[in-house]
Amino acid sequence: MISSATNPGTLYESKRHYLRFQKPYLHLQRVFGNDWFALKAEAFARFFGTPLFLVIQTVIVGVWILVNVVGVTKFDVYPFILLNLAFSLQSAYAAPLILLAQTRQADRDKALAEADAEHREAIHQASEERHRFAAEQTRRLVTLLQQNTELTAVVKELSERIEALTADVHKQVVHVDKTG
C-alpha cells in the first residue's frame, strides 16, 4: 500500500509549499521586530553598509573641510574637533546597530539552516519510505513470479495427464469400434 508521503498528489503539494519548514521561523524575518522604531533602525543599520552611504558621507566630509579651510565659515577650524565628535557620535550609534543586526542575521541563518536540515530529513525519510515500498513491491513480484512458475508447472503436468487420458480414451473407443 502506498503511503501519503509517496502519493504523487502529496508530493505535488509539498513542492508547492517548499518553504513550509521555515514557517516556525517567520518571526525572525525582521531583525529588530515589527514596530516603527525597529523597522527604521533596521533600515538605518542596512544603509550603513551601502556604497551610497559612503559616497554621501565622503561628500559631506569633503564639503565640511572645504568650507572651513577656504574660510567661508569658521564653525570648525583645522583640527576639526566638531567633525571628530560627529564621527564619534556616529560610531557610538552605528556599532551597536550593526552588531545587533549581525547577531539577529546569524539567528536567522541558524533558523533557516535548521529548517533546511528538517527539509533534508523529510526528503530522506520520504526516500527511505519509497525504497521500502519498492523493496516490498519487488518481494511481492518475486513471490507472484514463483507462484506463477509453480502454477505453470502444475498446468503443464495436468495438460500432460489430460493428453494421456485423452489418448487412452481414444484407444479404448477405437478398440471398441473395431471389435464391435
N, C-alpha and C. Protein backbone atom coordinates (compact mmCIF):
# COMPACT_ATOMS: atom_id res chain seq x y z
N MET A 1 0.85 -1.19 0.00
CA MET A 1 0.00 0.00 0.00
C MET A 1 0.89 1.24 0.00
N ILE A 2 0.59 2.18 -0.83
CA ILE A 2 1.38 3.41 -0.94
C ILE A 2 0.92 4.40 0.12
N SER A 3 1.86 5.02 0.78
CA SER A 3 1.51 5.96 1.86
C SER A 3 1.31 7.35 1.29
N SER A 4 0.80 8.23 2.14
CA SER A 4 0.55 9.60 1.70
C SER A 4 1.85 10.35 1.40
N ALA A 5 2.96 9.91 2.01
CA ALA A 5 4.24 10.59 1.76
C ALA A 5 4.74 10.32 0.34
N THR A 6 4.35 9.16 -0.21
CA THR A 6 4.81 8.86 -1.56
C THR A 6 3.69 9.03 -2.58
N ASN A 7 2.54 9.47 -2.15
CA ASN A 7 1.42 9.74 -3.05
C ASN A 7 1.79 10.91 -3.95
N PRO A 8 1.64 10.78 -5.26
CA PRO A 8 2.03 11.88 -6.17
C PRO A 8 1.35 13.20 -5.84
N GLY A 9 0.09 13.15 -5.42
CA GLY A 9 -0.61 14.39 -5.06
C GLY A 9 0.05 15.08 -3.88
N THR A 10 0.46 14.27 -2.89
CA THR A 10 1.11 14.84 -1.72
C THR A 10 2.48 15.40 -2.08
N LEU A 11 3.19 14.70 -2.96
CA LEU A 11 4.48 15.22 -3.40
C LEU A 11 4.30 16.55 -4.12
N TYR A 12 3.24 16.65 -4.92
CA TYR A 12 2.98 17.90 -5.61
C TYR A 12 2.69 19.00 -4.59
N GLU A 13 1.89 18.68 -3.58
CA GLU A 13 1.59 19.66 -2.54
C GLU A 13 2.86 20.10 -1.83
N SER A 14 3.76 19.15 -1.51
CA SER A 14 4.98 19.53 -0.79
C SER A 14 5.89 20.37 -1.68
N LYS A 15 5.85 20.17 -3.00
CA LYS A 15 6.64 21.01 -3.89
C LYS A 15 6.08 22.43 -3.91
N ARG A 16 4.75 22.53 -3.83
CA ARG A 16 4.15 23.86 -3.84
C ARG A 16 4.46 24.61 -2.56
N HIS A 17 4.61 23.91 -1.47
CA HIS A 17 4.87 24.56 -0.18
C HIS A 17 6.28 24.22 0.30
N TYR A 18 7.27 24.47 -0.54
CA TYR A 18 8.64 24.10 -0.21
C TYR A 18 9.21 24.91 0.95
N LEU A 19 8.57 26.02 1.30
CA LEU A 19 9.04 26.82 2.44
C LEU A 19 8.33 26.45 3.74
N ARG A 20 7.56 25.35 3.73
CA ARG A 20 6.78 25.00 4.91
C ARG A 20 7.65 24.74 6.13
N PHE A 21 8.90 24.35 5.95
CA PHE A 21 9.78 24.10 7.07
C PHE A 21 10.30 25.39 7.69
N GLN A 22 10.14 26.51 6.98
CA GLN A 22 10.60 27.79 7.50
C GLN A 22 9.52 28.55 8.24
N LYS A 23 8.26 28.06 8.19
CA LYS A 23 7.16 28.76 8.84
C LYS A 23 7.38 28.99 10.33
N PRO A 24 7.96 28.04 11.08
CA PRO A 24 8.17 28.32 12.51
C PRO A 24 9.14 29.47 12.78
N TYR A 25 9.89 29.89 11.76
CA TYR A 25 10.90 30.92 11.96
C TYR A 25 10.52 32.26 11.33
N LEU A 26 9.27 32.43 10.94
CA LEU A 26 8.83 33.67 10.30
C LEU A 26 8.99 34.87 11.23
N HIS A 27 8.91 34.64 12.54
CA HIS A 27 9.04 35.75 13.47
C HIS A 27 10.43 36.37 13.43
N LEU A 28 11.39 35.71 12.82
CA LEU A 28 12.76 36.23 12.74
C LEU A 28 13.00 37.04 11.47
N GLN A 29 12.00 37.24 10.65
CA GLN A 29 12.20 37.93 9.38
C GLN A 29 12.68 39.36 9.59
N ARG A 30 12.15 40.05 10.53
CA ARG A 30 12.60 41.41 10.82
C ARG A 30 13.64 41.36 11.92
N VAL A 31 14.74 42.06 11.71
CA VAL A 31 15.85 41.99 12.64
C VAL A 31 15.49 42.53 14.02
N PHE A 32 14.84 43.69 14.09
CA PHE A 32 14.60 44.34 15.36
C PHE A 32 13.15 44.24 15.81
N GLY A 33 12.36 43.43 15.18
CA GLY A 33 10.94 43.35 15.50
C GLY A 33 10.14 43.99 14.38
N ASN A 34 8.86 44.27 14.64
CA ASN A 34 8.00 44.81 13.59
C ASN A 34 7.43 46.19 13.90
N ASP A 35 7.83 46.82 15.00
CA ASP A 35 7.29 48.15 15.28
C ASP A 35 8.02 49.21 14.46
N TRP A 36 7.52 50.43 14.50
CA TRP A 36 8.05 51.52 13.68
C TRP A 36 9.54 51.74 13.93
N PHE A 37 9.93 51.85 15.21
CA PHE A 37 11.34 52.11 15.53
C PHE A 37 12.23 50.97 15.04
N ALA A 38 11.77 49.75 15.22
CA ALA A 38 12.57 48.60 14.80
C ALA A 38 12.79 48.61 13.30
N LEU A 39 11.75 48.92 12.56
CA LEU A 39 11.89 48.94 11.10
C LEU A 39 12.84 50.05 10.65
N LYS A 40 12.74 51.22 11.29
CA LYS A 40 13.65 52.33 10.94
C LYS A 40 15.08 52.01 11.34
N ALA A 41 15.26 51.38 12.51
CA ALA A 41 16.60 51.02 12.97
C ALA A 41 17.23 49.99 12.04
N GLU A 42 16.44 49.04 11.60
CA GLU A 42 16.96 48.03 10.66
C GLU A 42 17.34 48.68 9.33
N ALA A 43 16.50 49.56 8.84
CA ALA A 43 16.81 50.24 7.58
C ALA A 43 18.08 51.09 7.72
N PHE A 44 18.22 51.75 8.86
CA PHE A 44 19.40 52.58 9.11
C PHE A 44 20.66 51.71 9.18
N ALA A 45 20.58 50.58 9.89
CA ALA A 45 21.74 49.68 10.00
C ALA A 45 22.12 49.12 8.64
N ARG A 46 21.14 48.79 7.83
CA ARG A 46 21.42 48.28 6.50
C ARG A 46 22.01 49.37 5.59
N PHE A 47 21.58 50.61 5.78
CA PHE A 47 22.07 51.72 4.97
C PHE A 47 23.55 51.99 5.22
N PHE A 48 24.04 51.71 6.45
CA PHE A 48 25.45 51.94 6.77
C PHE A 48 26.40 51.16 5.87
N GLY A 49 25.99 50.03 5.36
CA GLY A 49 26.88 49.19 4.57
C GLY A 49 26.78 49.40 3.08
N THR A 50 26.10 50.44 2.65
CA THR A 50 25.90 50.63 1.21
C THR A 50 26.92 51.61 0.63
N PRO A 51 27.21 51.49 -0.65
CA PRO A 51 28.10 52.46 -1.31
C PRO A 51 27.50 53.86 -1.30
N LEU A 52 26.19 53.97 -1.36
CA LEU A 52 25.54 55.27 -1.33
C LEU A 52 25.88 56.01 -0.03
N PHE A 53 25.84 55.30 1.09
CA PHE A 53 26.18 55.91 2.36
C PHE A 53 27.62 56.42 2.35
N LEU A 54 28.53 55.60 1.85
CA LEU A 54 29.95 56.00 1.81
C LEU A 54 30.15 57.23 0.92
N VAL A 55 29.46 57.29 -0.21
CA VAL A 55 29.59 58.44 -1.10
C VAL A 55 29.02 59.68 -0.43
N ILE A 56 27.83 59.58 0.16
CA ILE A 56 27.21 60.73 0.83
C ILE A 56 28.09 61.22 1.97
N GLN A 57 28.60 60.29 2.78
CA GLN A 57 29.46 60.69 3.91
C GLN A 57 30.74 61.35 3.40
N THR A 58 31.32 60.82 2.34
CA THR A 58 32.54 61.42 1.80
C THR A 58 32.27 62.82 1.28
N VAL A 59 31.16 63.03 0.60
CA VAL A 59 30.81 64.36 0.08
C VAL A 59 30.60 65.33 1.24
N ILE A 60 29.86 64.92 2.27
CA ILE A 60 29.60 65.79 3.42
C ILE A 60 30.90 66.17 4.11
N VAL A 61 31.78 65.18 4.34
CA VAL A 61 33.07 65.47 5.00
C VAL A 61 33.91 66.39 4.12
N GLY A 62 33.92 66.13 2.80
CA GLY A 62 34.70 66.98 1.89
C GLY A 62 34.19 68.41 1.90
N VAL A 63 32.87 68.60 1.85
CA VAL A 63 32.30 69.96 1.91
C VAL A 63 32.59 70.60 3.25
N TRP A 64 32.45 69.85 4.33
CA TRP A 64 32.72 70.34 5.68
C TRP A 64 34.14 70.90 5.76
N ILE A 65 35.11 70.09 5.31
CA ILE A 65 36.51 70.51 5.39
C ILE A 65 36.76 71.69 4.45
N LEU A 66 36.24 71.62 3.23
CA LEU A 66 36.44 72.69 2.25
C LEU A 66 35.88 74.02 2.76
N VAL A 67 34.68 74.01 3.30
CA VAL A 67 34.05 75.24 3.80
C VAL A 67 34.88 75.83 4.94
N ASN A 68 35.44 75.00 5.80
CA ASN A 68 36.22 75.50 6.94
C ASN A 68 37.64 75.90 6.55
N VAL A 69 38.24 75.22 5.58
CA VAL A 69 39.61 75.56 5.18
C VAL A 69 39.62 76.82 4.31
N VAL A 70 38.69 76.92 3.38
CA VAL A 70 38.63 78.08 2.49
C VAL A 70 38.27 79.34 3.27
N GLY A 71 37.53 79.20 4.31
CA GLY A 71 37.19 80.35 5.14
C GLY A 71 35.80 80.87 4.91
N VAL A 72 34.95 80.11 4.23
CA VAL A 72 33.56 80.53 4.03
C VAL A 72 32.92 80.70 5.40
N THR A 73 33.19 79.81 6.27
CA THR A 73 32.73 79.90 7.66
C THR A 73 33.81 79.30 8.55
N LYS A 74 33.76 79.60 9.83
CA LYS A 74 34.78 79.11 10.75
C LYS A 74 34.14 78.36 11.92
N PHE A 75 33.07 77.55 11.67
CA PHE A 75 32.41 76.87 12.78
C PHE A 75 33.20 75.66 13.28
N ASP A 76 34.18 75.16 12.45
CA ASP A 76 35.02 74.04 12.91
C ASP A 76 36.38 74.19 12.24
N VAL A 77 37.29 74.87 12.90
CA VAL A 77 38.61 75.16 12.31
C VAL A 77 39.49 73.92 12.30
N TYR A 78 40.71 74.07 11.77
CA TYR A 78 41.59 72.98 11.34
C TYR A 78 41.58 71.69 12.15
N PRO A 79 41.74 71.61 13.40
CA PRO A 79 41.78 70.23 13.93
C PRO A 79 40.44 69.50 13.75
N PHE A 80 39.42 70.26 13.31
CA PHE A 80 38.09 69.68 13.02
C PHE A 80 37.56 68.85 14.18
N ILE A 81 37.55 69.46 15.35
CA ILE A 81 37.09 68.77 16.57
C ILE A 81 35.61 68.42 16.46
N LEU A 82 34.80 69.32 15.92
CA LEU A 82 33.38 69.04 15.77
C LEU A 82 33.14 67.86 14.80
N LEU A 83 33.95 67.81 13.74
CA LEU A 83 33.83 66.70 12.79
C LEU A 83 34.20 65.38 13.47
N ASN A 84 35.27 65.40 14.28
CA ASN A 84 35.66 64.20 15.03
C ASN A 84 34.57 63.79 16.02
N LEU A 85 33.94 64.77 16.64
CA LEU A 85 32.84 64.48 17.56
C LEU A 85 31.66 63.86 16.80
N ALA A 86 31.38 64.37 15.60
CA ALA A 86 30.29 63.80 14.79
C ALA A 86 30.61 62.36 14.41
N PHE A 87 31.86 62.08 14.03
CA PHE A 87 32.26 60.71 13.72
C PHE A 87 32.15 59.80 14.94
N SER A 88 32.54 60.29 16.09
CA SER A 88 32.44 59.51 17.33
C SER A 88 30.98 59.20 17.66
N LEU A 89 30.13 60.20 17.50
CA LEU A 89 28.70 60.00 17.75
C LEU A 89 28.11 58.98 16.77
N GLN A 90 28.50 59.12 15.52
CA GLN A 90 28.03 58.16 14.51
C GLN A 90 28.49 56.75 14.86
N SER A 91 29.74 56.59 15.26
CA SER A 91 30.27 55.28 15.64
C SER A 91 29.56 54.72 16.86
N ALA A 92 29.25 55.61 17.82
CA ALA A 92 28.58 55.16 19.03
C ALA A 92 27.21 54.57 18.74
N TYR A 93 26.51 55.09 17.74
CA TYR A 93 25.20 54.55 17.38
C TYR A 93 25.29 53.44 16.33
N ALA A 94 26.23 53.57 15.41
CA ALA A 94 26.30 52.61 14.31
C ALA A 94 26.81 51.24 14.77
N ALA A 95 27.82 51.22 15.61
CA ALA A 95 28.41 49.94 16.02
C ALA A 95 27.39 49.03 16.69
N PRO A 96 26.65 49.50 17.70
CA PRO A 96 25.67 48.58 18.31
C PRO A 96 24.58 48.15 17.33
N LEU A 97 24.12 49.07 16.46
CA LEU A 97 23.10 48.70 15.49
C LEU A 97 23.61 47.62 14.54
N ILE A 98 24.83 47.78 14.07
CA ILE A 98 25.41 46.81 13.15
C ILE A 98 25.64 45.47 13.84
N LEU A 99 26.15 45.51 15.08
CA LEU A 99 26.36 44.26 15.82
C LEU A 99 25.05 43.55 16.09
N LEU A 100 24.03 44.31 16.46
CA LEU A 100 22.72 43.73 16.69
C LEU A 100 22.17 43.12 15.40
N ALA A 101 22.33 43.83 14.29
CA ALA A 101 21.86 43.30 13.01
C ALA A 101 22.61 42.02 12.64
N GLN A 102 23.91 41.98 12.89
CA GLN A 102 24.69 40.78 12.60
C GLN A 102 24.27 39.61 13.49
N THR A 103 24.00 39.89 14.76
CA THR A 103 23.57 38.85 15.67
C THR A 103 22.23 38.27 15.25
N ARG A 104 21.29 39.15 14.94
CA ARG A 104 19.98 38.67 14.52
C ARG A 104 20.06 37.96 13.16
N GLN A 105 20.93 38.44 12.27
CA GLN A 105 21.10 37.76 10.99
C GLN A 105 21.67 36.36 11.22
N ALA A 106 22.59 36.25 12.17
CA ALA A 106 23.13 34.92 12.50
C ALA A 106 22.01 34.03 13.04
N ASP A 107 21.11 34.60 13.87
CA ASP A 107 19.96 33.82 14.36
C ASP A 107 19.07 33.36 13.21
N ARG A 108 18.82 34.27 12.26
CA ARG A 108 18.00 33.89 11.11
C ARG A 108 18.70 32.82 10.28
N ASP A 109 20.01 32.99 10.07
CA ASP A 109 20.75 31.99 9.30
C ASP A 109 20.69 30.63 9.98
N LYS A 110 20.83 30.63 11.31
CA LYS A 110 20.76 29.37 12.06
C LYS A 110 19.38 28.75 11.94
N ALA A 111 18.34 29.57 12.06
CA ALA A 111 16.96 29.07 11.96
C ALA A 111 16.71 28.51 10.56
N LEU A 112 17.18 29.21 9.54
CA LEU A 112 16.99 28.72 8.17
C LEU A 112 17.79 27.45 7.92
N ALA A 113 18.98 27.36 8.54
CA ALA A 113 19.77 26.13 8.42
C ALA A 113 19.04 24.97 9.08
N GLU A 114 18.41 25.23 10.24
CA GLU A 114 17.62 24.19 10.91
C GLU A 114 16.43 23.78 10.05
N ALA A 115 15.77 24.77 9.46
CA ALA A 115 14.63 24.46 8.58
C ALA A 115 15.10 23.65 7.38
N ASP A 116 16.26 24.01 6.84
CA ASP A 116 16.82 23.28 5.71
C ASP A 116 17.16 21.85 6.12
N ALA A 117 17.72 21.69 7.32
CA ALA A 117 18.04 20.35 7.82
C ALA A 117 16.76 19.52 7.99
N GLU A 118 15.70 20.14 8.52
CA GLU A 118 14.42 19.43 8.65
C GLU A 118 13.90 19.01 7.28
N HIS A 119 14.04 19.91 6.31
CA HIS A 119 13.58 19.61 4.96
C HIS A 119 14.37 18.45 4.37
N ARG A 120 15.69 18.49 4.54
CA ARG A 120 16.52 17.39 4.03
C ARG A 120 16.16 16.08 4.73
N GLU A 121 15.88 16.15 6.04
CA GLU A 121 15.49 14.95 6.77
C GLU A 121 14.16 14.41 6.26
N ALA A 122 13.21 15.29 5.99
CA ALA A 122 11.92 14.86 5.45
C ALA A 122 12.11 14.22 4.08
N ILE A 123 12.96 14.81 3.26
CA ILE A 123 13.25 14.23 1.95
C ILE A 123 13.88 12.86 2.11
N HIS A 124 14.81 12.74 3.05
CA HIS A 124 15.48 11.46 3.31
C HIS A 124 14.48 10.41 3.77
N GLN A 125 13.59 10.79 4.69
CA GLN A 125 12.58 9.85 5.17
C GLN A 125 11.65 9.42 4.04
N ALA A 126 11.24 10.37 3.21
CA ALA A 126 10.37 10.03 2.08
C ALA A 126 11.10 9.09 1.12
N SER A 127 12.38 9.35 0.92
CA SER A 127 13.17 8.50 0.04
C SER A 127 13.28 7.08 0.61
N GLU A 128 13.55 7.00 1.92
CA GLU A 128 13.62 5.68 2.55
C GLU A 128 12.28 4.97 2.48
N GLU A 129 11.20 5.69 2.65
CA GLU A 129 9.88 5.09 2.55
C GLU A 129 9.62 4.57 1.14
N ARG A 130 10.04 5.35 0.14
CA ARG A 130 9.89 4.90 -1.25
C ARG A 130 10.73 3.65 -1.49
N HIS A 131 11.94 3.60 -0.92
CA HIS A 131 12.79 2.42 -1.08
C HIS A 131 12.15 1.20 -0.41
N ARG A 132 11.60 1.41 0.80
CA ARG A 132 10.93 0.30 1.48
C ARG A 132 9.73 -0.18 0.65
N PHE A 133 8.97 0.76 0.12
CA PHE A 133 7.81 0.43 -0.71
C PHE A 133 8.26 -0.35 -1.95
N ALA A 134 9.33 0.12 -2.59
CA ALA A 134 9.84 -0.56 -3.79
C ALA A 134 10.34 -1.96 -3.43
N ALA A 135 11.02 -2.10 -2.28
CA ALA A 135 11.50 -3.41 -1.86
C ALA A 135 10.33 -4.35 -1.58
N GLU A 136 9.29 -3.84 -0.94
CA GLU A 136 8.10 -4.65 -0.67
C GLU A 136 7.43 -5.07 -1.98
N GLN A 137 7.32 -4.13 -2.92
CA GLN A 137 6.73 -4.46 -4.22
C GLN A 137 7.58 -5.50 -4.96
N THR A 138 8.88 -5.36 -4.87
CA THR A 138 9.79 -6.31 -5.51
C THR A 138 9.62 -7.69 -4.88
N ARG A 139 9.53 -7.74 -3.55
CA ARG A 139 9.33 -9.01 -2.86
C ARG A 139 8.00 -9.64 -3.29
N ARG A 140 6.96 -8.83 -3.39
CA ARG A 140 5.66 -9.34 -3.83
C ARG A 140 5.73 -9.86 -5.27
N LEU A 141 6.42 -9.12 -6.13
CA LEU A 141 6.56 -9.55 -7.51
C LEU A 141 7.31 -10.88 -7.61
N VAL A 142 8.37 -11.02 -6.81
CA VAL A 142 9.13 -12.27 -6.82
C VAL A 142 8.23 -13.42 -6.35
N THR A 143 7.45 -13.17 -5.30
CA THR A 143 6.52 -14.19 -4.81
C THR A 143 5.50 -14.56 -5.89
N LEU A 144 4.96 -13.54 -6.55
CA LEU A 144 3.99 -13.81 -7.62
C LEU A 144 4.63 -14.58 -8.78
N LEU A 145 5.86 -14.23 -9.10
CA LEU A 145 6.56 -14.95 -10.17
C LEU A 145 6.80 -16.41 -9.78
N GLN A 146 7.16 -16.65 -8.50
CA GLN A 146 7.35 -18.02 -8.04
C GLN A 146 6.03 -18.79 -8.10
N GLN A 147 4.95 -18.15 -7.66
CA GLN A 147 3.64 -18.79 -7.72
C GLN A 147 3.24 -19.06 -9.17
N ASN A 148 3.52 -18.12 -10.05
CA ASN A 148 3.20 -18.29 -11.47
C ASN A 148 3.99 -19.45 -12.04
N THR A 149 5.26 -19.56 -11.67
CA THR A 149 6.09 -20.67 -12.15
C THR A 149 5.54 -22.00 -11.66
N GLU A 150 5.16 -22.04 -10.39
CA GLU A 150 4.58 -23.27 -9.83
C GLU A 150 3.27 -23.61 -10.54
N LEU A 151 2.42 -22.61 -10.75
CA LEU A 151 1.15 -22.84 -11.44
C LEU A 151 1.38 -23.31 -12.87
N THR A 152 2.37 -22.74 -13.53
CA THR A 152 2.69 -23.15 -14.89
C THR A 152 3.12 -24.61 -14.91
N ALA A 153 3.91 -25.02 -13.92
CA ALA A 153 4.35 -26.42 -13.83
C ALA A 153 3.14 -27.33 -13.58
N VAL A 154 2.23 -26.92 -12.69
CA VAL A 154 1.02 -27.70 -12.41
C VAL A 154 0.15 -27.81 -13.66
N VAL A 155 -0.02 -26.67 -14.37
CA VAL A 155 -0.81 -26.67 -15.60
C VAL A 155 -0.18 -27.60 -16.63
N LYS A 156 1.14 -27.59 -16.75
CA LYS A 156 1.83 -28.47 -17.70
C LYS A 156 1.59 -29.93 -17.33
N GLU A 157 1.72 -30.23 -16.04
CA GLU A 157 1.52 -31.61 -15.58
C GLU A 157 0.08 -32.05 -15.84
N LEU A 158 -0.89 -31.16 -15.52
CA LEU A 158 -2.30 -31.51 -15.75
C LEU A 158 -2.59 -31.66 -17.24
N SER A 159 -1.98 -30.78 -18.05
CA SER A 159 -2.17 -30.88 -19.50
C SER A 159 -1.63 -32.21 -20.02
N GLU A 160 -0.49 -32.64 -19.51
CA GLU A 160 0.09 -33.93 -19.92
C GLU A 160 -0.82 -35.08 -19.48
N ARG A 161 -1.39 -34.99 -18.28
CA ARG A 161 -2.31 -36.03 -17.80
C ARG A 161 -3.57 -36.09 -18.67
N ILE A 162 -4.10 -34.89 -18.98
CA ILE A 162 -5.30 -34.83 -19.83
C ILE A 162 -4.99 -35.44 -21.20
N GLU A 163 -3.82 -35.13 -21.73
CA GLU A 163 -3.42 -35.67 -23.03
C GLU A 163 -3.32 -37.19 -22.97
N ALA A 164 -2.72 -37.69 -21.89
CA ALA A 164 -2.58 -39.15 -21.73
C ALA A 164 -3.95 -39.80 -21.57
N LEU A 165 -4.81 -39.20 -20.78
CA LEU A 165 -6.15 -39.74 -20.58
C LEU A 165 -6.95 -39.70 -21.89
N THR A 166 -6.81 -38.60 -22.62
CA THR A 166 -7.50 -38.48 -23.90
C THR A 166 -7.00 -39.56 -24.85
N ALA A 167 -5.71 -39.80 -24.85
CA ALA A 167 -5.15 -40.85 -25.71
C ALA A 167 -5.68 -42.22 -25.30
N ASP A 168 -5.77 -42.50 -23.99
CA ASP A 168 -6.29 -43.78 -23.50
C ASP A 168 -7.76 -43.94 -23.90
N VAL A 169 -8.55 -42.88 -23.70
CA VAL A 169 -9.97 -42.93 -24.06
C VAL A 169 -10.10 -43.14 -25.56
N HIS A 170 -9.28 -42.48 -26.33
CA HIS A 170 -9.31 -42.61 -27.79
C HIS A 170 -9.00 -44.06 -28.20
N LYS A 171 -7.99 -44.67 -27.57
CA LYS A 171 -7.61 -46.05 -27.88
C LYS A 171 -8.77 -47.00 -27.56
N GLN A 172 -9.39 -46.79 -26.40
CA GLN A 172 -10.48 -47.67 -26.00
C GLN A 172 -11.68 -47.49 -26.92
N VAL A 173 -12.00 -46.27 -27.32
CA VAL A 173 -13.12 -46.05 -28.21
C VAL A 173 -12.84 -46.67 -29.57
N VAL A 174 -11.67 -46.48 -30.06
CA VAL A 174 -11.29 -47.03 -31.37
C VAL A 174 -11.25 -48.55 -31.26
N HIS A 175 -10.75 -49.11 -30.18
CA HIS A 175 -10.64 -50.55 -29.99
C HIS A 175 -12.05 -51.14 -29.91
N VAL A 176 -13.00 -50.49 -29.22
CA VAL A 176 -14.37 -50.98 -29.10
C VAL A 176 -15.04 -50.97 -30.47
N ASP A 177 -14.79 -49.94 -31.29
CA ASP A 177 -15.38 -49.87 -32.62
C ASP A 177 -14.89 -50.99 -33.52
N LYS A 178 -13.62 -51.33 -33.39
CA LYS A 178 -13.05 -52.37 -34.25
C LYS A 178 -13.56 -53.76 -33.83
N THR A 179 -13.79 -53.99 -32.58
CA THR A 179 -14.24 -55.31 -32.12
C THR A 179 -15.76 -55.43 -32.22
N GLY A 180 -16.41 -54.40 -32.21
CA GLY A 180 -17.84 -54.43 -32.15
C GLY A 180 -18.53 -54.49 -33.39
